[in-house]
N, C-alpha and C. Protein backbone atom coordinates (compact mmCIF):
# COMPACT_ATOMS: atom_id res chain seq x y z
N UNK A 1 -0.02 -37.65 -25.63
CA UNK A 1 0.59 -38.68 -24.71
C UNK A 1 2.07 -38.85 -25.30
N UNK A 2 2.78 -38.75 -24.07
CA UNK A 2 4.42 -39.07 -24.48
C UNK A 2 4.54 -40.72 -24.77
N UNK A 3 5.85 -40.65 -25.35
CA UNK A 3 5.91 -42.33 -25.59
C UNK A 3 6.38 -42.98 -24.41
N UNK A 4 7.21 -42.25 -23.45
CA UNK A 4 7.31 -42.93 -22.21
C UNK A 4 6.17 -43.46 -21.47
N UNK A 5 5.06 -42.44 -21.40
CA UNK A 5 3.70 -43.10 -20.79
C UNK A 5 3.08 -44.17 -21.57
N UNK A 6 3.02 -44.03 -22.97
CA UNK A 6 2.55 -45.07 -23.71
C UNK A 6 3.30 -46.47 -23.27
N UNK A 7 4.65 -46.23 -23.04
CA UNK A 7 5.51 -47.60 -23.10
C UNK A 7 5.15 -48.09 -21.73
N UNK A 8 4.93 -47.24 -20.70
CA UNK A 8 4.94 -47.61 -19.52
C UNK A 8 3.30 -48.17 -19.29
N UNK A 9 2.34 -47.67 -20.04
CA UNK A 9 0.85 -48.27 -19.80
C UNK A 9 1.25 -49.64 -20.49
N UNK A 10 1.87 -50.07 -21.73
CA UNK A 10 1.99 -51.08 -22.31
C UNK A 10 2.61 -52.21 -21.47
N UNK A 11 3.87 -51.70 -20.72
CA UNK A 11 4.65 -52.58 -19.98
C UNK A 11 3.73 -53.04 -18.79
N UNK A 12 2.85 -52.28 -18.16
CA UNK A 12 2.07 -52.34 -17.01
C UNK A 12 0.96 -53.40 -17.59
N UNK A 13 0.36 -53.16 -18.44
CA UNK A 13 -0.54 -54.32 -18.94
C UNK A 13 -0.06 -55.36 -19.33
N UNK A 14 1.04 -55.53 -19.93
CA UNK A 14 1.61 -56.95 -20.31
C UNK A 14 2.15 -57.49 -18.93
N UNK A 15 2.73 -57.17 -17.86
CA UNK A 15 2.99 -57.55 -16.56
C UNK A 15 1.83 -57.82 -15.77
N UNK A 16 0.72 -57.02 -15.82
CA UNK A 16 -0.68 -57.63 -15.35
C UNK A 16 -1.24 -58.72 -15.93
N UNK A 17 -1.15 -58.90 -17.42
CA UNK A 17 -1.60 -60.02 -18.05
C UNK A 17 -0.83 -61.36 -17.71
N UNK A 18 0.32 -61.31 -17.63
CA UNK A 18 1.32 -62.38 -17.26
C UNK A 18 0.99 -62.76 -15.98
N UNK A 19 1.01 -61.89 -15.11
CA UNK A 19 0.73 -62.25 -13.46
C UNK A 19 -0.54 -62.90 -13.45
N UNK A 20 -1.40 -62.50 -13.98
CA UNK A 20 -2.92 -63.15 -14.12
C UNK A 20 -2.92 -64.58 -14.47
N UNK A 21 -2.15 -64.67 -15.71
CA UNK A 21 -2.18 -65.98 -16.43
C UNK A 21 -1.31 -66.86 -15.53
N UNK A 22 -0.42 -66.58 -14.59
CA UNK A 22 0.30 -67.08 -13.62
C UNK A 22 -0.56 -67.60 -12.60
N UNK A 23 -1.32 -66.76 -12.13
CA UNK A 23 -2.17 -67.09 -10.94
C UNK A 23 -3.13 -68.03 -11.49
N UNK A 24 -3.69 -68.05 -12.73
CA UNK A 24 -4.69 -69.03 -13.23
C UNK A 24 -3.92 -70.30 -13.38
N UNK A 25 -2.92 -70.40 -13.73
CA UNK A 25 -2.09 -71.85 -13.83
C UNK A 25 -2.15 -72.52 -12.60
N UNK A 26 -1.75 -71.64 -11.56
CA UNK A 26 -1.56 -72.26 -9.95
C UNK A 26 -2.98 -72.23 -9.46
N UNK A 27 -4.14 -72.09 -10.03
CA UNK A 27 -5.26 -72.13 -9.49
C UNK A 27 -5.41 -71.32 -8.31
N UNK A 28 -4.91 -70.05 -8.32
CA UNK A 28 -5.15 -69.19 -7.24
C UNK A 28 -5.86 -68.00 -7.42
N UNK A 29 -6.70 -67.99 -8.58
CA UNK A 29 -7.49 -66.90 -9.05
C UNK A 29 -8.70 -67.36 -9.64
N UNK A 30 -9.96 -66.98 -9.07
CA UNK A 30 -11.20 -67.55 -9.58
C UNK A 30 -11.52 -66.73 -11.08
N UNK A 31 -12.33 -67.51 -11.68
CA UNK A 31 -12.39 -66.95 -13.11
C UNK A 31 -12.99 -65.67 -13.36
N UNK A 32 -13.88 -65.23 -12.46
CA UNK A 32 -14.55 -64.05 -12.34
C UNK A 32 -13.49 -63.07 -12.44
N UNK A 33 -12.59 -63.18 -11.30
CA UNK A 33 -11.57 -62.20 -11.21
C UNK A 33 -10.58 -62.12 -12.10
N UNK A 34 -10.21 -63.29 -12.72
CA UNK A 34 -9.25 -63.29 -13.82
C UNK A 34 -9.83 -62.55 -14.87
N UNK A 35 -10.89 -62.65 -15.13
CA UNK A 35 -11.70 -61.87 -16.34
C UNK A 35 -11.41 -60.37 -16.18
N UNK A 36 -11.79 -59.95 -14.98
CA UNK A 36 -11.64 -58.66 -14.78
C UNK A 36 -10.29 -58.16 -15.11
N UNK A 37 -9.12 -58.77 -14.51
CA UNK A 37 -8.06 -58.22 -14.76
C UNK A 37 -7.40 -58.47 -16.08
N UNK A 38 -7.83 -59.40 -16.90
CA UNK A 38 -7.39 -59.56 -18.23
C UNK A 38 -8.13 -58.54 -18.97
N UNK A 39 -9.30 -58.25 -18.89
CA UNK A 39 -10.04 -57.00 -19.58
C UNK A 39 -9.33 -55.84 -19.24
N UNK A 40 -9.11 -55.51 -17.92
CA UNK A 40 -8.45 -54.29 -17.60
C UNK A 40 -6.97 -54.23 -18.38
N UNK A 41 -6.24 -55.27 -18.25
CA UNK A 41 -5.04 -54.97 -19.23
C UNK A 41 -5.15 -55.03 -20.72
N UNK A 42 -6.22 -55.39 -21.17
CA UNK A 42 -6.60 -55.33 -22.54
C UNK A 42 -7.24 -53.84 -23.05
N UNK A 43 -7.63 -53.32 -21.94
CA UNK A 43 -8.12 -51.78 -22.02
C UNK A 43 -6.86 -51.07 -21.91
N UNK A 44 -5.84 -51.31 -21.10
CA UNK A 44 -4.77 -50.49 -21.05
C UNK A 44 -3.66 -50.71 -22.28
N UNK A 45 -3.78 -51.89 -22.83
CA UNK A 45 -3.20 -52.30 -24.19
C UNK A 45 -3.64 -51.25 -25.51
N UNK A 46 -5.03 -51.17 -25.40
CA UNK A 46 -5.94 -50.34 -26.30
C UNK A 46 -5.36 -48.93 -26.11
N UNK A 47 -5.27 -48.61 -24.82
CA UNK A 47 -5.10 -47.05 -24.57
C UNK A 47 -3.46 -46.68 -24.90
N UNK A 48 -2.53 -47.66 -24.93
CA UNK A 48 -1.31 -47.46 -25.04
C UNK A 48 -0.93 -47.47 -26.49
N UNK A 49 -1.74 -48.56 -27.08
CA UNK A 49 -1.50 -48.64 -28.51
C UNK A 49 -2.05 -47.71 -29.39
N UNK A 50 -3.21 -47.21 -29.05
CA UNK A 50 -4.16 -46.20 -29.73
C UNK A 50 -4.36 -45.01 -28.99
N UNK A 51 -3.56 -44.04 -29.00
CA UNK A 51 -3.43 -42.89 -27.97
C UNK A 51 -4.72 -42.02 -28.59
N UNK A 52 -5.01 -42.02 -29.93
CA UNK A 52 -5.80 -41.27 -30.51
C UNK A 52 -7.14 -41.21 -29.78
N UNK A 53 -7.47 -42.62 -29.35
CA UNK A 53 -8.66 -42.64 -28.64
C UNK A 53 -8.89 -42.11 -27.34
N UNK A 54 -7.71 -41.94 -26.55
CA UNK A 54 -7.45 -41.34 -25.33
C UNK A 54 -7.48 -39.83 -25.73
N UNK A 55 -6.91 -39.34 -26.78
CA UNK A 55 -6.97 -38.03 -27.04
C UNK A 55 -8.33 -37.37 -27.45
N UNK A 56 -9.08 -38.16 -27.99
CA UNK A 56 -10.60 -37.64 -28.61
C UNK A 56 -11.48 -37.79 -27.22
N UNK A 57 -11.40 -38.85 -26.30
CA UNK A 57 -12.08 -38.89 -25.31
C UNK A 57 -11.70 -37.76 -24.03
N UNK A 58 -10.61 -37.47 -24.28
CA UNK A 58 -10.13 -36.33 -23.15
C UNK A 58 -10.54 -35.01 -23.77
N UNK A 59 -10.65 -34.76 -25.13
CA UNK A 59 -11.27 -33.48 -25.51
C UNK A 59 -12.69 -33.62 -25.35
N UNK A 60 -13.26 -34.61 -25.59
CA UNK A 60 -14.87 -34.67 -25.70
C UNK A 60 -15.14 -34.46 -24.07
N UNK A 61 -14.73 -34.96 -22.96
CA UNK A 61 -15.12 -34.73 -21.62
C UNK A 61 -14.41 -33.49 -21.16
N UNK A 62 -13.56 -32.90 -21.70
CA UNK A 62 -12.84 -31.42 -21.32
C UNK A 62 -11.69 -31.66 -20.46
N UNK A 63 -11.13 -32.75 -20.53
CA UNK A 63 -9.77 -32.71 -19.81
C UNK A 63 -8.59 -32.02 -20.59
N UNK A 64 -7.68 -31.55 -19.69
CA UNK A 64 -6.54 -30.45 -20.22
C UNK A 64 -5.42 -31.46 -20.76
N UNK A 65 -5.47 -32.65 -19.87
CA UNK A 65 -4.28 -33.56 -20.55
C UNK A 65 -4.95 -35.09 -20.71
N UNK A 66 -4.57 -35.79 -21.56
CA UNK A 66 -5.00 -37.09 -21.67
C UNK A 66 -4.75 -38.01 -20.41
N UNK A 67 -3.46 -37.76 -19.93
CA UNK A 67 -2.87 -38.40 -18.80
C UNK A 67 -3.99 -38.23 -17.52
N UNK A 68 -4.62 -37.14 -17.31
CA UNK A 68 -5.60 -36.86 -16.25
C UNK A 68 -6.90 -37.92 -16.45
N UNK A 69 -7.44 -38.02 -17.95
CA UNK A 69 -8.30 -39.04 -18.02
C UNK A 69 -7.92 -40.49 -17.74
N UNK A 70 -6.63 -40.74 -18.07
CA UNK A 70 -6.10 -42.02 -17.79
C UNK A 70 -6.08 -42.31 -16.35
N UNK A 71 -5.68 -41.54 -15.35
CA UNK A 71 -5.75 -41.67 -14.37
C UNK A 71 -7.03 -41.73 -13.57
N UNK A 72 -8.00 -41.08 -14.16
CA UNK A 72 -9.46 -41.12 -13.62
C UNK A 72 -9.88 -42.34 -13.94
N UNK A 73 -9.88 -43.01 -15.21
CA UNK A 73 -10.35 -44.21 -15.46
C UNK A 73 -9.76 -45.28 -14.44
N UNK A 74 -8.49 -45.46 -14.41
CA UNK A 74 -7.57 -46.15 -13.43
C UNK A 74 -8.29 -46.14 -12.05
N UNK A 75 -8.56 -44.93 -11.55
CA UNK A 75 -9.06 -44.88 -10.19
C UNK A 75 -10.59 -45.24 -9.85
N UNK A 76 -11.31 -44.92 -11.28
CA UNK A 76 -12.69 -45.56 -11.10
C UNK A 76 -12.85 -46.99 -11.35
N UNK A 77 -11.97 -47.47 -12.01
CA UNK A 77 -11.97 -48.96 -12.24
C UNK A 77 -11.61 -49.67 -10.94
N UNK A 78 -10.63 -49.23 -10.28
CA UNK A 78 -10.42 -49.80 -9.12
C UNK A 78 -11.34 -49.53 -8.03
N UNK A 79 -12.02 -48.32 -7.81
CA UNK A 79 -12.84 -48.21 -6.88
C UNK A 79 -14.17 -49.22 -6.99
N UNK A 80 -14.32 -49.66 -8.34
CA UNK A 80 -15.33 -50.38 -8.86
C UNK A 80 -14.92 -51.69 -8.08
N UNK A 81 -13.77 -52.11 -8.63
CA UNK A 81 -13.32 -53.37 -8.00
C UNK A 81 -13.19 -53.50 -6.55
N UNK A 82 -12.98 -52.69 -5.81
CA UNK A 82 -13.04 -52.74 -4.38
C UNK A 82 -14.46 -52.75 -3.77
N UNK A 83 -15.40 -52.11 -4.41
CA UNK A 83 -16.66 -52.24 -4.18
C UNK A 83 -17.28 -53.48 -4.40
N UNK A 84 -16.99 -53.99 -5.43
CA UNK A 84 -17.44 -55.53 -5.80
C UNK A 84 -16.56 -56.74 -4.84
N UNK A 85 -15.58 -56.19 -4.46
CA UNK A 85 -14.97 -57.27 -3.61
C UNK A 85 -15.47 -57.09 -2.29
N UNK A 86 -15.90 -55.93 -1.78
CA UNK A 86 -16.45 -55.60 -0.54
C UNK A 86 -17.96 -56.47 -0.46
N UNK A 87 -18.60 -56.41 -1.54
CA UNK A 87 -19.80 -57.29 -1.57
C UNK A 87 -19.71 -58.58 -1.63
N UNK A 88 -18.60 -59.32 -2.19
CA UNK A 88 -18.16 -60.36 -2.30
C UNK A 88 -17.92 -61.03 -0.81
N UNK A 89 -17.06 -60.35 -0.08
CA UNK A 89 -16.59 -60.34 1.39
C UNK A 89 -17.96 -60.47 2.13
N UNK A 90 -18.90 -59.53 2.13
CA UNK A 90 -19.91 -59.56 2.79
C UNK A 90 -20.69 -60.82 2.69
N UNK A 91 -20.79 -61.19 1.48
CA UNK A 91 -21.62 -62.34 1.08
C UNK A 91 -20.95 -63.71 1.85
N UNK A 92 -19.72 -63.76 1.79
CA UNK A 92 -18.97 -64.79 2.54
C UNK A 92 -18.97 -64.76 3.85
N UNK A 93 -19.03 -63.70 4.50
CA UNK A 93 -19.17 -63.54 6.25
C UNK A 93 -20.56 -63.96 6.49
N UNK A 94 -21.55 -63.64 5.65
CA UNK A 94 -23.01 -64.07 5.95
C UNK A 94 -23.08 -65.63 5.90
N UNK A 95 -22.59 -66.11 4.85
CA UNK A 95 -22.44 -67.62 4.59
C UNK A 95 -21.80 -68.20 6.02
N UNK A 96 -20.45 -67.74 6.23
CA UNK A 96 -19.74 -68.44 7.38
C UNK A 96 -20.56 -68.21 8.65
N UNK A 97 -21.27 -67.16 8.97
CA UNK A 97 -22.23 -66.98 10.19
C UNK A 97 -23.20 -68.08 10.24
N UNK A 98 -23.90 -68.35 8.89
CA UNK A 98 -24.95 -69.29 8.90
C UNK A 98 -24.28 -70.60 9.01
N UNK A 99 -23.28 -70.91 8.67
CA UNK A 99 -22.78 -72.36 8.81
C UNK A 99 -22.31 -72.39 10.11
N UNK A 100 -21.63 -71.57 10.78
CA UNK A 100 -21.43 -71.53 12.29
C UNK A 100 -22.51 -71.99 13.14
N UNK A 101 -23.47 -71.33 12.59
CA UNK A 101 -25.01 -71.25 13.47
C UNK A 101 -25.59 -72.57 13.34
N UNK A 102 -25.40 -73.21 11.94
CA UNK A 102 -25.85 -74.70 11.90
C UNK A 102 -24.87 -75.60 12.39
N UNK A 103 -23.61 -75.59 12.71
CA UNK A 103 -22.76 -76.09 13.17
C UNK A 103 -23.01 -76.23 14.72
N UNK A 104 -23.47 -75.18 15.37
CA UNK A 104 -23.69 -74.93 16.72
C UNK A 104 -25.01 -75.48 17.13
N UNK A 105 -25.99 -75.50 15.97
CA UNK A 105 -27.38 -76.30 16.33
C UNK A 105 -27.15 -77.76 16.27
N UNK A 106 -26.35 -78.24 15.40
CA UNK A 106 -25.93 -79.62 15.35
C UNK A 106 -25.36 -80.34 16.45
N UNK A 107 -24.36 -79.34 16.96
CA UNK A 107 -23.54 -79.86 18.00
C UNK A 107 -24.51 -79.67 19.36
N UNK A 108 -25.31 -79.00 19.50
CA UNK A 108 -26.28 -78.84 20.54
C UNK A 108 -27.36 -79.93 20.54
N UNK A 109 -28.01 -80.32 19.39
CA UNK A 109 -28.52 -81.59 19.25
C UNK A 109 -27.94 -82.85 19.60
N UNK A 110 -26.41 -82.95 19.25
CA UNK A 110 -25.68 -84.09 19.46
C UNK A 110 -25.01 -84.21 20.71
N UNK A 111 -25.23 -83.02 21.60
CA UNK A 111 -24.45 -83.04 22.75
C UNK A 111 -24.99 -84.15 23.51
N UNK A 112 -23.83 -85.10 24.31
CA UNK A 112 -24.31 -86.06 25.17
C UNK A 112 -24.40 -87.35 24.45
N UNK A 113 -24.34 -87.47 23.02
CA UNK A 113 -24.49 -88.60 22.28
C UNK A 113 -23.18 -89.09 21.77
N UNK A 114 -22.04 -88.56 22.13
CA UNK A 114 -20.81 -89.04 21.67
C UNK A 114 -20.42 -90.41 22.07
N UNK A 115 -19.83 -90.86 21.24
CA UNK A 115 -19.18 -92.39 21.71
C UNK A 115 -17.99 -92.49 21.93
N UNK A 116 -17.47 -93.45 22.97
CA UNK A 116 -16.02 -93.51 23.23
C UNK A 116 -15.43 -94.54 22.20
N UNK A 117 -14.34 -94.85 22.48
CA UNK A 117 -13.40 -95.83 21.36
C UNK A 117 -14.11 -97.18 21.22
N UNK A 118 -14.79 -97.62 22.27
CA UNK A 118 -15.28 -99.01 22.19
C UNK A 118 -16.79 -98.94 21.61
N UNK A 119 -17.15 -97.60 21.16
CA UNK A 119 -18.77 -97.37 20.73
C UNK A 119 -19.72 -97.18 21.59
N UNK A 120 -19.22 -97.29 23.08
CA UNK A 120 -20.34 -96.72 24.16
C UNK A 120 -20.58 -95.33 24.11
N UNK A 121 -21.97 -95.21 24.43
CA UNK A 121 -22.50 -93.67 24.48
C UNK A 121 -21.85 -93.03 25.70
N UNK A 122 -21.21 -91.96 25.37
CA UNK A 122 -20.70 -91.10 26.57
C UNK A 122 -21.57 -90.02 27.03
N UNK A 123 -22.49 -89.92 27.91
CA UNK A 123 -23.34 -88.89 27.98
C UNK A 123 -22.53 -87.71 28.77
N UNK A 124 -22.90 -86.51 28.27
CA UNK A 124 -22.34 -85.28 28.71
C UNK A 124 -21.03 -84.90 27.94
N UNK A 125 -20.72 -85.74 27.03
CA UNK A 125 -19.38 -85.40 26.02
C UNK A 125 -19.99 -84.88 24.55
N UNK A 126 -19.59 -84.00 24.31
CA UNK A 126 -19.87 -83.63 22.73
C UNK A 126 -18.92 -84.27 21.91
N UNK A 127 -19.21 -84.27 20.50
CA UNK A 127 -18.52 -85.07 19.58
C UNK A 127 -17.51 -84.17 19.01
N UNK A 128 -17.10 -82.95 19.60
CA UNK A 128 -16.16 -82.14 19.16
C UNK A 128 -16.57 -80.98 18.08
N UNK A 129 -18.04 -81.11 17.82
CA UNK A 129 -18.44 -79.79 17.13
C UNK A 129 -18.73 -78.81 17.96
N UNK A 130 -18.92 -78.79 19.20
CA UNK A 130 -18.94 -77.75 19.99
C UNK A 130 -17.67 -77.01 20.01
N UNK A 131 -16.41 -77.54 20.16
CA UNK A 131 -15.27 -77.18 20.47
C UNK A 131 -15.17 -76.45 18.91
N UNK A 132 -15.39 -77.06 17.80
CA UNK A 132 -15.11 -76.36 16.60
C UNK A 132 -15.76 -75.02 16.53
N UNK A 133 -17.00 -74.98 17.03
CA UNK A 133 -17.69 -73.75 16.95
C UNK A 133 -17.22 -72.67 17.68
N UNK A 134 -16.75 -73.17 18.76
CA UNK A 134 -15.77 -72.13 19.72
C UNK A 134 -14.55 -71.75 19.21
N UNK A 135 -13.87 -72.41 18.61
CA UNK A 135 -12.67 -72.11 17.92
C UNK A 135 -13.05 -71.26 16.45
N UNK A 136 -13.90 -71.45 16.00
CA UNK A 136 -14.28 -70.68 14.85
C UNK A 136 -14.56 -69.22 15.46
N UNK A 137 -15.31 -69.13 16.47
CA UNK A 137 -15.61 -67.86 16.94
C UNK A 137 -14.20 -67.06 17.43
N UNK A 138 -13.38 -67.70 18.17
CA UNK A 138 -12.51 -67.13 18.56
C UNK A 138 -11.37 -66.66 17.59
N UNK A 139 -11.32 -67.18 16.45
CA UNK A 139 -10.33 -66.85 15.33
C UNK A 139 -10.88 -65.57 14.60
N UNK A 140 -12.30 -65.12 14.81
CA UNK A 140 -12.84 -64.15 14.24
C UNK A 140 -12.30 -62.92 15.06
C-alpha cells in the first residue's frame, strides 16, 4: 500500500470522525448512526496505520492488490448501511401510515362535534383533524 493511499485513508477517517462529532454536538445524528460512522472511521484508521493487516488479509483472500480489498470492504460496508437505512425508512413509513389512520378515525369520530369560539357545538364542522389528514396524504 502506497504512502499516499495510507495518508488518504487516514485523512478520510479523520474528516469522517470530526464530521460525525460535529453532527452529534448539534444533535443532528442519532446515537446508533453515529456509532456506525465512528466505528467505520476507526476501521479506516487501523487499515491506514497498520497496512500489514490489509496485506495479510488480501493475501489470505487472494486479492492481487491490497487496494482492491479496501475498495471491496468499503463497498460492502456502505451497501450494508444502505440496507439498514432502507429497513429503518420502511418502519417509519409504516408508523406514519398507522398514525394517519388513527388520526382519520379520531377525526371521523369527532366529526360534527367541534365547538365555535363561544364554546357552542357546531354540527357538521370538523375540528381540523380531517384537514390535517388530507394535508398529510397530499404531502406524500
